[in-house]
Amino acid sequence: MHKRIAAFPILAIVLAATSLTHAQKTLTAAEAKDHVGEKATVCGKVVSTRWAETSRGSPTFLNFDQPYPDQVFTLVIWGNDRSKFDNPETTYRGRHICVTGKISAFKGVPEVVANQPAQIKVQ
């Protein structure tokens, strides 16, 4: 009985340390460029949008903080996932949102690809 009681605090410490190690980073759109390759949550205001319906992959682009072509960060939703979202180019335009995912870069602009609506939270 005493061994179980003594082991409980140790287990609690190990679990707490593990959860801190896996804690999600929350970044501004401007900070995302310094975290390419990392999984994080990036927050900002969607100031311009575009559904490139006839382009390869039919991507939807949600640009944060500055409009295209000077966007600070881009959230990309590919056409094959678009039906999971409710017209993202109008739903999120003008809203402050956060997106969680792995940050990559395209032509020097950091981006996250969202393939599930749960990745996006409206603030």
PDB file of N, CA and C in Angstrom:
ATOM      1  N   MET A   1       0.822  -1.192   0.000  1.00  0.00           N
ATOM      2  CA  MET A   1       0.000   0.000   0.000  1.00  0.00           C
ATOM      3  C   MET A   1       0.867   1.258   0.000  1.00  0.00           C
ATOM      4  N   HIS A   2       1.916   1.282   0.806  1.00  0.00           N
ATOM      5  CA  HIS A   2       2.774   2.461   0.883  1.00  0.00           C
ATOM      6  C   HIS A   2       3.535   2.693  -0.420  1.00  0.00           C
ATOM      7  N   LYS A   3       3.854   1.619  -1.138  1.00  0.00           N
ATOM      8  CA  LYS A   3       4.577   1.772  -2.400  1.00  0.00           C
ATOM      9  C   LYS A   3       3.719   2.496  -3.430  1.00  0.00           C
ATOM     10  N   ARG A   4       2.408   2.213  -3.464  1.00  0.00           N
ATOM     11  CA  ARG A   4       1.516   2.891  -4.406  1.00  0.00           C
ATOM     12  C   ARG A   4       1.406   4.375  -4.080  1.00  0.00           C
ATOM     13  N   ILE A   5       1.291   4.707  -2.822  1.00  0.00           N
ATOM     14  CA  ILE A   5       1.180   6.102  -2.409  1.00  0.00           C
ATOM     15  C   ILE A   5       2.463   6.847  -2.747  1.00  0.00           C
ATOM     16  N   ALA A   6       3.603   6.225  -2.538  1.00  0.00           N
ATOM     17  CA  ALA A   6       4.886   6.867  -2.826  1.00  0.00           C
ATOM     18  C   ALA A   6       5.085   7.035  -4.334  1.00  0.00           C
ATOM     19  N   ALA A   7       4.571   6.119  -5.128  1.00  0.00           N
ATOM     20  CA  ALA A   7       4.747   6.182  -6.571  1.00  0.00           C
ATOM     21  C   ALA A   7       3.856   7.246  -7.214  1.00  0.00           C
ATOM     22  N   PHE A   8       2.727   7.567  -6.606  1.00  0.00           N
ATOM     23  CA  PHE A   8       1.786   8.526  -7.191  1.00  0.00           C
ATOM     24  C   PHE A   8       2.403   9.908  -7.412  1.00  0.00           C
ATOM     25  N   PRO A   9       3.093  10.504  -6.437  1.00  0.00           N
ATOM     26  CA  PRO A   9       3.700  11.821  -6.700  1.00  0.00           C
ATOM     27  C   PRO A   9       4.745  11.786  -7.820  1.00  0.00           C
ATOM     28  N   ILE A  10       5.487  10.709  -7.906  1.00  0.00           N
ATOM     29  CA  ILE A  10       6.494  10.586  -8.962  1.00  0.00           C
ATOM     30  C   ILE A  10       5.810  10.517 -10.327  1.00  0.00           C
ATOM     31  N   LEU A  11       4.741   9.732 -10.414  1.00  0.00           N
ATOM     32  CA  LEU A  11       3.993   9.624 -11.653  1.00  0.00           C
ATOM     33  C   LEU A  11       3.403  10.981 -12.046  1.00  0.00           C
ATOM     34  N   ALA A  12       2.883  11.708 -11.091  1.00  0.00           N
ATOM     35  CA  ALA A  12       2.304  13.029 -11.365  1.00  0.00           C
ATOM     36  C   ALA A  12       3.363  13.990 -11.899  1.00  0.00           C
ATOM     37  N   ILE A  13       4.555  13.955 -11.351  1.00  0.00           N
ATOM     38  CA  ILE A  13       5.646  14.824 -11.807  1.00  0.00           C
ATOM     39  C   ILE A  13       6.055  14.458 -13.236  1.00  0.00           C
ATOM     40  N   VAL A  14       6.173  13.171 -13.522  1.00  0.00           N
ATOM     41  CA  VAL A  14       6.552  12.722 -14.862  1.00  0.00           C
ATOM     42  C   VAL A  14       5.492  13.149 -15.885  1.00  0.00           C
ATOM     43  N   LEU A  15       4.218  12.978 -15.551  1.00  0.00           N
ATOM     44  CA  LEU A  15       3.146  13.373 -16.463  1.00  0.00           C
ATOM     45  C   LEU A  15       3.130  14.881 -16.684  1.00  0.00           C
ATOM     46  N   ALA A  16       3.340  15.647 -15.638  1.00  0.00           N
ATOM     47  CA  ALA A  16       3.362  17.107 -15.768  1.00  0.00           C
ATOM     48  C   ALA A  16       4.529  17.544 -16.650  1.00  0.00           C
ATOM     49  N   ALA A  17       5.688  16.964 -16.465  1.00  0.00           N
ATOM     50  CA  ALA A  17       6.854  17.310 -17.274  1.00  0.00           C
ATOM     51  C   ALA A  17       6.634  16.942 -18.732  1.00  0.00           C
ATOM     52  N   THR A  18       6.013  15.801 -18.982  1.00  0.00           N
ATOM     53  CA  THR A  18       5.727  15.371 -20.344  1.00  0.00           C
ATOM     54  C   THR A  18       4.747  16.319 -21.016  1.00  0.00           C
ATOM     55  N   SER A  19       3.718  16.747 -20.306  1.00  0.00           N
ATOM     56  CA  SER A  19       2.741  17.647 -20.918  1.00  0.00           C
ATOM     57  C   SER A  19       3.346  19.016 -21.194  1.00  0.00           C
ATOM     58  N   LEU A  20       4.268  19.482 -20.376  1.00  0.00           N
ATOM     59  CA  LEU A  20       4.931  20.755 -20.625  1.00  0.00           C
ATOM     60  C   LEU A  20       5.827  20.672 -21.850  1.00  0.00           C
ATOM     61  N   THR A  21       6.465  19.517 -22.046  1.00  0.00           N
ATOM     62  CA  THR A  21       7.327  19.318 -23.194  1.00  0.00           C
ATOM     63  C   THR A  21       6.523  19.370 -24.487  1.00  0.00           C
ATOM     64  N   HIS A  22       5.283  18.879 -24.442  1.00  0.00           N
ATOM     65  CA  HIS A  22       4.441  18.840 -25.622  1.00  0.00           C
ATOM     66  C   HIS A  22       3.515  20.055 -25.709  1.00  0.00           C
ATOM     67  N   ALA A  23       3.725  21.058 -24.888  1.00  0.00           N
ATOM     68  CA  ALA A  23       2.877  22.244 -24.908  1.00  0.00           C
ATOM     69  C   ALA A  23       2.995  22.926 -26.265  1.00  0.00           C
ATOM     70  N   GLN A  24       1.882  23.398 -26.751  1.00  0.00           N
ATOM     71  CA  GLN A  24       1.821  24.029 -28.060  1.00  0.00           C
ATOM     72  C   GLN A  24       2.293  25.469 -27.985  1.00  0.00           C
ATOM     73  N   LYS A  25       3.124  25.865 -28.921  1.00  0.00           N
ATOM     74  CA  LYS A  25       3.555  27.252 -29.004  1.00  0.00           C
ATOM     75  C   LYS A  25       2.443  28.070 -29.642  1.00  0.00           C
ATOM     76  N   THR A  26       2.196  29.262 -29.130  1.00  0.00           N
ATOM     77  CA  THR A  26       1.268  30.194 -29.757  1.00  0.00           C
ATOM     78  C   THR A  26       2.075  31.385 -30.240  1.00  0.00           C
ATOM     79  N   LEU A  27       1.953  31.680 -31.536  1.00  0.00           N
ATOM     80  CA  LEU A  27       2.762  32.700 -32.175  1.00  0.00           C
ATOM     81  C   LEU A  27       1.883  33.732 -32.860  1.00  0.00           C
ATOM     82  N   THR A  28       2.415  34.928 -33.023  1.00  0.00           N
ATOM     83  CA  THR A  28       1.767  35.909 -33.891  1.00  0.00           C
ATOM     84  C   THR A  28       2.129  35.545 -35.327  1.00  0.00           C
ATOM     85  N   ALA A  29       1.409  36.102 -36.265  1.00  0.00           N
ATOM     86  CA  ALA A  29       1.718  35.855 -37.674  1.00  0.00           C
ATOM     87  C   ALA A  29       3.159  36.268 -37.995  1.00  0.00           C
ATOM     88  N   ALA A  30       3.600  37.378 -37.428  1.00  0.00           N
ATOM     89  CA  ALA A  30       4.960  37.874 -37.679  1.00  0.00           C
ATOM     90  C   ALA A  30       6.029  36.940 -37.106  1.00  0.00           C
ATOM     91  N   GLU A  31       5.736  36.240 -36.023  1.00  0.00           N
ATOM     92  CA  GLU A  31       6.706  35.335 -35.401  1.00  0.00           C
ATOM     93  C   GLU A  31       6.834  34.013 -36.145  1.00  0.00           C
ATOM     94  N   ALA A  32       5.849  33.654 -36.953  1.00  0.00           N
ATOM     95  CA  ALA A  32       5.829  32.346 -37.617  1.00  0.00           C
ATOM     96  C   ALA A  32       7.065  32.102 -38.480  1.00  0.00           C
ATOM     97  N   LYS A  33       7.597  33.141 -39.110  1.00  0.00           N
ATOM     98  CA  LYS A  33       8.759  32.973 -40.006  1.00  0.00           C
ATOM     99  C   LYS A  33       9.975  32.409 -39.273  1.00  0.00           C
ATOM    100  N   ASP A  34      10.036  32.610 -37.970  1.00  0.00           N
ATOM    101  CA  ASP A  34      11.169  32.113 -37.187  1.00  0.00           C
ATOM    102  C   ASP A  34      10.938  30.695 -36.659  1.00  0.00           C
ATOM    103  N   HIS A  35       9.835  30.075 -37.055  1.00  0.00           N
ATOM    104  CA  HIS A  35       9.487  28.750 -36.533  1.00  0.00           C
ATOM    105  C   HIS A  35       9.116  27.763 -37.633  1.00  0.00           C
ATOM    106  N   VAL A  36       9.638  27.977 -38.841  1.00  0.00           N
ATOM    107  CA  VAL A  36       9.386  27.057 -39.951  1.00  0.00           C
ATOM    108  C   VAL A  36       9.893  25.667 -39.557  1.00  0.00           C
ATOM    109  N   GLY A  37       9.068  24.660 -39.821  1.00  0.00           N
ATOM    110  CA  GLY A  37       9.405  23.278 -39.476  1.00  0.00           C
ATOM    111  C   GLY A  37       8.839  22.832 -38.140  1.00  0.00           C
ATOM    112  N   GLU A  38       8.303  23.774 -37.379  1.00  0.00           N
ATOM    113  CA  GLU A  38       7.741  23.458 -36.070  1.00  0.00           C
ATOM    114  C   GLU A  38       6.221  23.409 -36.132  1.00  0.00           C
ATOM    115  N   LYS A  39       5.640  22.639 -35.236  1.00  0.00           N
ATOM    116  CA  LYS A  39       4.187  22.654 -35.079  1.00  0.00           C
ATOM    117  C   LYS A  39       3.859  23.733 -34.052  1.00  0.00           C
ATOM    118  N   ALA A  40       2.907  24.597 -34.401  1.00  0.00           N
ATOM    119  CA  ALA A  40       2.555  25.703 -33.514  1.00  0.00           C
ATOM    120  C   ALA A  40       1.149  26.192 -33.844  1.00  0.00           C
ATOM    121  N   THR A  41       0.664  27.089 -33.010  1.00  0.00           N
ATOM    122  CA  THR A  41      -0.581  27.790 -33.263  1.00  0.00           C
ATOM    123  C   THR A  41      -0.224  29.220 -33.630  1.00  0.00           C
ATOM    124  N   VAL A  42      -0.703  29.655 -34.786  1.00  0.00           N
ATOM    125  CA  VAL A  42      -0.392  30.995 -35.294  1.00  0.00           C
ATOM    126  C   VAL A  42      -1.688  31.802 -35.324  1.00  0.00           C
ATOM    127  N   CYS A  43      -1.644  32.994 -34.743  1.00  0.00           N
ATOM    128  CA  CYS A  43      -2.837  33.831 -34.651  1.00  0.00           C
ATOM    129  C   CYS A  43      -2.635  35.156 -35.378  1.00  0.00           C
ATOM    130  N   GLY A  44      -3.710  35.638 -35.991  1.00  0.00           N
ATOM    131  CA  GLY A  44      -3.671  36.922 -36.666  1.00  0.00           C
ATOM    132  C   GLY A  44      -5.015  37.241 -37.283  1.00  0.00           C
ATOM    133  N   LYS A  45      -5.095  38.408 -37.897  1.00  0.00           N
ATOM    134  CA  LYS A  45      -6.332  38.835 -38.544  1.00  0.00           C
ATOM    135  C   LYS A  45      -6.274  38.497 -40.031  1.00  0.00           C
ATOM    136  N   VAL A  46      -7.334  37.869 -40.524  1.00  0.00           N
ATOM    137  CA  VAL A  46      -7.428  37.538 -41.941  1.00  0.00           C
ATOM    138  C   VAL A  46      -7.849  38.809 -42.678  1.00  0.00           C
ATOM    139  N   VAL A  47      -6.921  39.375 -43.461  1.00  0.00           N
ATOM    140  CA  VAL A  47      -7.184  40.658 -44.121  1.00  0.00           C
ATOM    141  C   VAL A  47      -7.430  40.531 -45.622  1.00  0.00           C
ATOM    142  N   SER A  48      -7.044  39.392 -46.202  1.00  0.00           N
ATOM    143  CA  SER A  48      -7.385  39.149 -47.604  1.00  0.00           C
ATOM    144  C   SER A  48      -7.514  37.644 -47.802  1.00  0.00           C
ATOM    145  N   THR A  49      -8.367  37.284 -48.764  1.00  0.00           N
ATOM    146  CA  THR A  49      -8.607  35.869 -49.045  1.00  0.00           C
ATOM    147  C   THR A  49      -8.712  35.671 -50.549  1.00  0.00           C
ATOM    148  N   ARG A  50      -8.484  34.432 -50.969  1.00  0.00           N
ATOM    149  CA  ARG A  50      -8.656  34.104 -52.385  1.00  0.00           C
ATOM    150  C   ARG A  50      -8.840  32.614 -52.539  1.00  0.00           C
ATOM    151  N   TRP A  51      -9.873  32.220 -53.273  1.00  0.00           N
ATOM    152  CA  TRP A  51     -10.063  30.831 -53.667  1.00  0.00           C
ATOM    153  C   TRP A  51      -9.592  30.734 -55.106  1.00  0.00           C
ATOM    154  N   ALA A  52      -8.470  30.084 -55.312  1.00  0.00           N
ATOM    155  CA  ALA A  52      -7.899  29.923 -56.653  1.00  0.00           C
ATOM    156  C   ALA A  52      -8.495  28.659 -57.276  1.00  0.00           C
ATOM    157  N   GLU A  53      -9.760  28.731 -57.553  1.00  0.00           N
ATOM    158  CA  GLU A  53     -10.559  27.580 -57.999  1.00  0.00           C
ATOM    159  C   GLU A  53      -9.991  26.892 -59.235  1.00  0.00           C
ATOM    160  N   THR A  54      -9.441  27.658 -60.164  1.00  0.00           N
ATOM    161  CA  THR A  54      -8.934  27.063 -61.411  1.00  0.00           C
ATOM    162  C   THR A  54      -7.447  26.734 -61.359  1.00  0.00           C
ATOM    163  N   SER A  55      -6.790  27.054 -60.278  1.00  0.00           N
ATOM    164  CA  SER A  55      -5.370  26.716 -60.126  1.00  0.00           C
ATOM    165  C   SER A  55      -5.214  25.256 -59.709  1.00  0.00           C
ATOM    166  N   ARG A  56      -4.036  24.711 -59.946  1.00  0.00           N
ATOM    167  CA  ARG A  56      -3.767  23.322 -59.566  1.00  0.00           C
ATOM    168  C   ARG A  56      -4.006  23.129 -58.074  1.00  0.00           C
ATOM    169  N   GLY A  57      -4.841  22.185 -57.725  1.00  0.00           N
ATOM    170  CA  GLY A  57      -5.140  21.891 -56.324  1.00  0.00           C
ATOM    171  C   GLY A  57      -6.250  22.758 -55.743  1.00  0.00           C
ATOM    172  N   SER A  58      -6.729  23.729 -56.491  1.00  0.00           N
ATOM    173  CA  SER A  58      -7.817  24.642 -56.068  1.00  0.00           C
ATOM    174  C   SER A  58      -7.646  25.164 -54.642  1.00  0.00           C
ATOM    175  N   PRO A  59      -6.502  25.756 -54.340  1.00  0.00           N
ATOM    176  CA  PRO A  59      -6.275  26.212 -52.965  1.00  0.00           C
ATOM    177  C   PRO A  59      -7.089  27.446 -52.600  1.00  0.00           C
ATOM    178  N   THR A  60      -7.375  27.558 -51.312  1.00  0.00           N
ATOM    179  CA  THR A  60      -7.943  28.765 -50.734  1.00  0.00           C
ATOM    180  C   THR A  60      -6.858  29.363 -49.854  1.00  0.00           C
ATOM    181  N   PHE A  61      -6.603  30.649 -50.018  1.00  0.00           N
ATOM    182  CA  PHE A  61      -5.566  31.340 -49.266  1.00  0.00           C
ATOM    183  C   PHE A  61      -6.212  32.346 -48.320  1.00  0.00           C
ATOM    184  N   LEU A  62      -5.866  32.278 -47.051  1.00  0.00           N
ATOM    185  CA  LEU A  62      -6.291  33.248 -46.049  1.00  0.00           C
ATOM    186  C   LEU A  62      -5.027  33.950 -45.572  1.00  0.00           C
ATOM    187  N   ASN A  63      -4.885  35.218 -45.895  1.00  0.00           N
ATOM    188  CA  ASN A  63      -3.667  35.981 -45.606  1.00  0.00           C
ATOM    189  C   ASN A  63      -3.832  36.799 -44.328  1.00  0.00           C
ATOM    190  N   PHE A  64      -2.856  36.690 -43.453  1.00  0.00           N
ATOM    191  CA  PHE A  64      -2.895  37.331 -42.139  1.00  0.00           C
ATOM    192  C   PHE A  64      -2.153  38.672 -42.145  1.00  0.00           C
ATOM    193  N   ASP A  65      -2.713  39.630 -41.454  1.00  0.00           N
ATOM    194  CA  ASP A  65      -2.096  40.908 -41.069  1.00  0.00           C
ATOM    195  C   ASP A  65      -1.849  41.911 -42.203  1.00  0.00           C
ATOM    196  N   GLN A  66      -1.433  41.458 -43.366  1.00  0.00           N
ATOM    197  CA  GLN A  66      -1.239  42.322 -44.536  1.00  0.00           C
ATOM    198  C   GLN A  66      -1.843  41.594 -45.741  1.00  0.00           C
ATOM    199  N   PRO A  67      -2.495  42.324 -46.648  1.00  0.00           N
ATOM    200  CA  PRO A  67      -3.075  41.655 -47.812  1.00  0.00           C
ATOM    201  C   PRO A  67      -2.010  41.178 -48.797  1.00  0.00           C
ATOM    202  N   TYR A  68      -2.368  40.164 -49.592  1.00  0.00           N
ATOM    203  CA  TYR A  68      -1.516  39.697 -50.670  1.00  0.00           C
ATOM    204  C   TYR A  68      -1.227  40.877 -51.598  1.00  0.00           C
ATOM    205  N   PRO A  69      -0.008  41.067 -52.042  1.00  0.00           N
ATOM    206  CA  PRO A  69       1.156  40.184 -52.006  1.00  0.00           C
ATOM    207  C   PRO A  69       2.114  40.436 -50.838  1.00  0.00           C
ATOM    208  N   ASP A  70       1.701  41.209 -49.868  1.00  0.00           N
ATOM    209  CA  ASP A  70       2.574  41.540 -48.738  1.00  0.00           C
ATOM    210  C   ASP A  70       2.189  40.800 -47.466  1.00  0.00           C
ATOM    211  N   GLN A  71       1.470  39.688 -47.607  1.00  0.00           N
ATOM    212  CA  GLN A  71       0.994  38.946 -46.443  1.00  0.00           C
ATOM    213  C   GLN A  71       2.144  38.522 -45.542  1.00  0.00           C
ATOM    214  N   VAL A  72       1.852  38.487 -44.253  1.00  0.00           N
ATOM    215  CA  VAL A  72       2.841  38.106 -43.241  1.00  0.00           C
ATOM    216  C   VAL A  72       2.832  36.591 -43.053  1.00  0.00           C
ATOM    217  N   PHE A  73       1.665  35.986 -43.244  1.00  0.00           N
ATOM    218  CA  PHE A  73       1.455  34.556 -43.010  1.00  0.00           C
ATOM    219  C   PHE A  73       0.238  34.140 -43.834  1.00  0.00           C
ATOM    220  N   THR A  74       0.228  32.894 -44.292  1.00  0.00           N
ATOM    221  CA  THR A  74      -0.907  32.387 -45.070  1.00  0.00           C
ATOM    222  C   THR A  74      -1.387  31.057 -44.514  1.00  0.00           C
ATOM    223  N   LEU A  75      -2.701  30.959 -44.385  1.00  0.00           N
ATOM    224  CA  LEU A  75      -3.344  29.686 -44.077  1.00  0.00           C
ATOM    225  C   LEU A  75      -3.846  29.148 -45.410  1.00  0.00           C
ATOM    226  N   VAL A  76      -3.495  27.905 -45.743  1.00  0.00           N
ATOM    227  CA  VAL A  76      -3.871  27.304 -47.016  1.00  0.00           C
ATOM    228  C   VAL A  76      -4.835  26.156 -46.757  1.00  0.00           C
ATOM    229  N   ILE A  77      -5.924  26.149 -47.529  1.00  0.00           N
ATOM    230  CA  ILE A  77      -6.866  25.023 -47.509  1.00  0.00           C
ATOM    231  C   ILE A  77      -6.924  24.502 -48.944  1.00  0.00           C
ATOM    232  N   TRP A  78      -6.485  23.258 -49.155  1.00  0.00           N
ATOM    233  CA  TRP A  78      -6.481  22.688 -50.496  1.00  0.00           C
ATOM    234  C   TRP A  78      -7.891  22.300 -50.905  1.00  0.00           C
ATOM    235  N   GLY A  79      -8.122  22.299 -52.193  1.00  0.00           N
ATOM    236  CA  GLY A  79      -9.443  22.031 -52.752  1.00  0.00           C
ATOM    237  C   GLY A  79     -10.061  20.720 -52.310  1.00  0.00           C
ATOM    238  N   ASN A  80      -9.245  19.678 -52.152  1.00  0.00           N
ATOM    239  CA  ASN A  80      -9.806  18.385 -51.743  1.00  0.00           C
ATOM    240  C   ASN A  80     -10.302  18.395 -50.298  1.00  0.00           C
ATOM    241  N   ASP A  81      -9.934  19.385 -49.508  1.00  0.00           N
ATOM    242  CA  ASP A  81     -10.411  19.518 -48.124  1.00  0.00           C
ATOM    243  C   ASP A  81     -11.438  20.640 -47.982  1.00  0.00           C
ATOM    244  N   ARG A  82     -11.618  21.419 -49.010  1.00  0.00           N
ATOM    245  CA  ARG A  82     -12.460  22.610 -48.954  1.00  0.00           C
ATOM    246  C   ARG A  82     -13.897  22.334 -48.511  1.00  0.00           C
ATOM    247  N   SER A  83     -14.458  21.209 -48.905  1.00  0.00           N
ATOM    248  CA  SER A  83     -15.846  20.894 -48.558  1.00  0.00           C
ATOM    249  C   SER A  83     -16.054  20.734 -47.047  1.00  0.00           C
ATOM    250  N   LYS A  84     -14.985  20.532 -46.305  1.00  0.00           N
ATOM    251  CA  LYS A  84     -15.073  20.423 -44.840  1.00  0.00           C
ATOM    252  C   LYS A  84     -15.267  21.790 -44.180  1.00  0.00           C
ATOM    253  N   PHE A  85     -14.975  22.847 -44.925  1.00  0.00           N
ATOM    254  CA  PHE A  85     -15.040  24.216 -44.422  1.00  0.00           C
ATOM    255  C   PHE A  85     -16.214  24.925 -45.086  1.00  0.00           C
ATOM    256  N   ASP A  86     -16.816  25.853 -44.408  1.00  0.00           N
ATOM    257  CA  ASP A  86     -17.972  26.573 -44.946  1.00  0.00           C
ATOM    258  C   ASP A  86     -17.515  27.874 -45.605  1.00  0.00           C
ATOM    259  N   ASN A  87     -17.226  27.826 -46.917  1.00  0.00           N
ATOM    260  CA  ASN A  87     -16.756  29.008 -47.654  1.00  0.00           C
ATOM    261  C   ASN A  87     -15.710  29.785 -46.860  1.00  0.00           C
ATOM    262  N   PRO A  88     -14.543  29.199 -46.647  1.00  0.00           N
ATOM    263  CA  PRO A  88     -13.548  29.830 -45.770  1.00  0.00           C
ATOM    264  C   PRO A  88     -13.137  31.237 -46.176  1.00  0.00           C
ATOM    265  N   GLU A  89     -13.174  31.542 -47.482  1.00  0.00           N
ATOM    266  CA  GLU A  89     -12.742  32.875 -47.912  1.00  0.00           C
ATOM    267  C   GLU A  89     -13.718  33.955 -47.463  1.00  0.00           C
ATOM    268  N   THR A  90     -14.959  33.604 -47.175  1.00  0.00           N
ATOM    269  CA  THR A  90     -15.898  34.591 -46.632  1.00  0.00           C
ATOM    270  C   THR A  90     -16.118  34.411 -45.128  1.00  0.00           C
ATOM    271  N   THR A  91     -16.108  33.171 -44.673  1.00  0.00           N
ATOM    272  CA  THR A  91     -16.325  32.892 -43.245  1.00  0.00           C
ATOM    273  C   THR A  91     -15.273  33.556 -42.366  1.00  0.00           C
ATOM    274  N   TYR A  92     -14.008  33.516 -42.784  1.00  0.00           N
ATOM    275  CA  TYR A  92     -12.910  33.995 -41.943  1.00  0.00           C
ATOM    276  C   TYR A  92     -12.413  35.399 -42.288  1.00  0.00           C
ATOM    277  N   ARG A  93     -12.820  35.969 -43.421  1.00  0.00           N
ATOM    278  CA  ARG A  93     -12.349  37.305 -43.820  1.00  0.00           C
ATOM    279  C   ARG A  93     -12.732  38.331 -42.755  1.00  0.00           C
ATOM    280  N   GLY A  94     -11.740  39.120 -42.328  1.00  0.00           N
ATOM    281  CA  GLY A  94     -11.961  40.159 -41.325  1.00  0.00           C
ATOM    282  C   GLY A  94     -11.977  39.657 -39.894  1.00  0.00           C
ATOM    283  N   ARG A  95     -11.792  38.358 -39.712  1.00  0.00           N
ATOM    284  CA  ARG A  95     -11.829  37.771 -38.371  1.00  0.00           C
ATOM    285  C   ARG A  95     -10.420  37.553 -37.841  1.00  0.00           C
ATOM    286  N   HIS A  96     -10.287  37.588 -36.540  1.00  0.00           N
ATOM    287  CA  HIS A  96      -9.029  37.232 -35.893  1.00  0.00           C
ATOM    288  C   HIS A  96      -9.127  35.748 -35.587  1.00  0.00           C
ATOM    289  N   ILE A  97      -8.204  34.955 -36.157  1.00  0.00           N
ATOM    290  CA  ILE A  97      -8.257  33.508 -35.984  1.00  0.00           C
ATOM    291  C   ILE A  97      -6.899  32.961 -35.580  1.00  0.00           C
ATOM    292  N   CYS A  98      -6.910  31.728 -35.109  1.00  0.00           N
ATOM    293  CA  CYS A  98      -5.688  30.982 -34.822  1.00  0.00           C
ATOM    294  C   CYS A  98      -5.766  29.667 -35.582  1.00  0.00           C
ATOM    295  N   VAL A  99      -4.655  29.253 -36.164  1.00  0.00           N
ATOM    296  CA  VAL A  99      -4.578  27.978 -36.865  1.00  0.00           C
ATOM    297  C   VAL A  99      -3.425  27.181 -36.278  1.00  0.00           C
ATOM    298  N   THR A 100      -3.650  25.897 -36.094  1.00  0.00           N
ATOM    299  CA  THR A 100      -2.630  25.018 -35.537  1.00  0.00           C
ATOM    300  C   THR A 100      -2.177  24.031 -36.599  1.00  0.00           C
ATOM    301  N   GLY A 101      -0.870  23.892 -36.729  1.00  0.00           N
ATOM    302  CA  GLY A 101      -0.303  22.947 -37.683  1.00  0.00           C
ATOM    303  C   GLY A 101       1.184  23.169 -37.829  1.00  0.00           C
ATOM    304  N   LYS A 102       1.775  22.405 -38.728  1.00  0.00           N
ATOM    305  CA  LYS A 102       3.208  22.532 -38.979  1.00  0.00           C
ATOM    306  C   LYS A 102       3.448  23.716 -39.910  1.00  0.00           C
ATOM    307  N   ILE A 103       4.344  24.581 -39.508  1.00  0.00           N
ATOM    308  CA  ILE A 103       4.667  25.770 -40.297  1.00  0.00           C
ATOM    309  C   ILE A 103       5.674  25.398 -41.383  1.00  0.00           C
ATOM    310  N   SER A 104       5.326  25.756 -42.607  1.00  0.00           N
ATOM    311  CA  SER A 104       6.257  25.615 -43.727  1.00  0.00           C
ATOM    312  C   SER A 104       6.386  26.999 -44.358  1.00  0.00           C
ATOM    313  N   ALA A 105       7.105  27.085 -45.466  1.00  0.00           N
ATOM    314  CA  ALA A 105       7.242  28.377 -46.141  1.00  0.00           C
ATOM    315  C   ALA A 105       7.105  28.163 -47.637  1.00  0.00           C
ATOM    316  N   PHE A 106       6.461  29.105 -48.299  1.00  0.00           N
ATOM    317  CA  PHE A 106       6.349  29.102 -49.751  1.00  0.00           C
ATOM    318  C   PHE A 106       6.784  30.471 -50.236  1.00  0.00           C
ATOM    319  N   LYS A 107       7.838  30.478 -51.040  1.00  0.00           N
ATOM    320  CA  LYS A 107       8.418  31.728 -51.544  1.00  0.00           C
ATOM    321  C   LYS A 107       8.697  32.717 -50.413  1.00  0.00           C
ATOM    322  N   GLY A 108       9.211  32.184 -49.309  1.00  0.00           N
ATOM    323  CA  GLY A 108       9.616  33.005 -48.184  1.00  0.00           C
ATOM    324  C   GLY A 108       8.511  33.410 -47.229  1.00  0.00           C
ATOM    325  N   VAL A 109       7.268  33.039 -47.530  1.00  0.00           N
ATOM    326  CA  VAL A 109       6.144  33.395 -46.662  1.00  0.00           C
ATOM    327  C   VAL A 109       5.738  32.169 -45.845  1.00  0.00           C
ATOM    328  N   PRO A 110       5.715  32.290 -44.517  1.00  0.00           N
ATOM    329  CA  PRO A 110       5.315  31.149 -43.696  1.00  0.00           C
ATOM    330  C   PRO A 110       3.842  30.825 -43.903  1.00  0.00           C
ATOM    331  N   GLU A 111       3.527  29.527 -43.814  1.00  0.00           N
ATOM    332  CA  GLU A 111       2.156  29.085 -43.996  1.00  0.00           C
ATOM    333  C   GLU A 111       1.888  27.814 -43.209  1.00  0.00           C
ATOM    334  N   VAL A 112       0.605  27.584 -42.958  1.00  0.00           N
ATOM    335  CA  VAL A 112       0.133  26.327 -42.390  1.00  0.00           C
ATOM    336  C   VAL A 112      -0.985  25.841 -43.289  1.00  0.00           C
ATOM    337  N   VAL A 113      -0.984  24.546 -43.583  1.00  0.00           N
ATOM    338  CA  VAL A 113      -2.066  23.928 -44.337  1.00  0.00           C
ATOM    339  C   VAL A 113      -3.063  23.372 -43.336  1.00  0.00           C
ATOM    340  N   ALA A 114      -4.327  23.764 -43.486  1.00  0.00           N
ATOM    341  CA  ALA A 114      -5.392  23.226 -42.634  1.00  0.00           C
ATOM    342  C   ALA A 114      -6.195  22.229 -43.452  1.00  0.00           C
ATOM    343  N   ASN A 115      -6.310  21.014 -42.935  1.00  0.00           N
ATOM    344  CA  ASN A 115      -7.140  20.033 -43.618  1.00  0.00           C
ATOM    345  C   ASN A 115      -8.347  19.617 -42.780  1.00  0.00           C
ATOM    346  N   GLN A 116      -8.472  20.192 -41.586  1.00  0.00           N
ATOM    347  CA  GLN A 116      -9.617  19.946 -40.712  1.00  0.00           C
ATOM    348  C   GLN A 116     -10.059  21.267 -40.086  1.00  0.00           C
ATOM    349  N   PRO A 117     -11.365  21.529 -40.033  1.00  0.00           N
ATOM    350  CA  PRO A 117     -11.839  22.766 -39.405  1.00  0.00           C
ATOM    351  C   PRO A 117     -11.400  22.913 -37.939  1.00  0.00           C
ATOM    352  N   ALA A 118     -11.184  21.817 -37.253  1.00  0.00           N
ATOM    353  CA  ALA A 118     -10.763  21.875 -35.847  1.00  0.00           C
ATOM    354  C   ALA A 118      -9.412  22.552 -35.674  1.00  0.00           C
ATOM    355  N   GLN A 119      -8.640  22.694 -36.752  1.00  0.00           N
ATOM    356  CA  GLN A 119      -7.348  23.367 -36.683  1.00  0.00           C
ATOM    357  C   GLN A 119      -7.504  24.880 -36.548  1.00  0.00           C
ATOM    358  N   ILE A 120      -8.694  25.395 -36.861  1.00  0.00           N
ATOM    359  CA  ILE A 120      -8.935  26.836 -36.875  1.00  0.00           C
ATOM    360  C   ILE A 120      -9.868  27.233 -35.743  1.00  0.00           C
ATOM    361  N   LYS A 121      -9.467  28.225 -34.983  1.00  0.00           N
ATOM    362  CA  LYS A 121     -10.294  28.771 -33.895  1.00  0.00           C
ATOM    363  C   LYS A 121     -10.473  30.259 -34.130  1.00  0.00           C
ATOM    364  N   VAL A 122     -11.731  30.708 -34.098  1.00  0.00           N
ATOM    365  CA  VAL A 122     -12.034  32.130 -34.214  1.00  0.00           C
ATOM    366  C   VAL A 122     -11.866  32.741 -32.840  1.00  0.00           C
ATOM    367  N   GLN A 123     -11.173  33.871 -32.762  1.00  0.00           N
ATOM    368  CA  GLN A 123     -10.931  34.554 -31.483  1.00  0.00           C
ATOM    369  C   GLN A 123     -12.042  35.519 -31.171  1.00  0.00           C
TER     370      GLN A 123
END
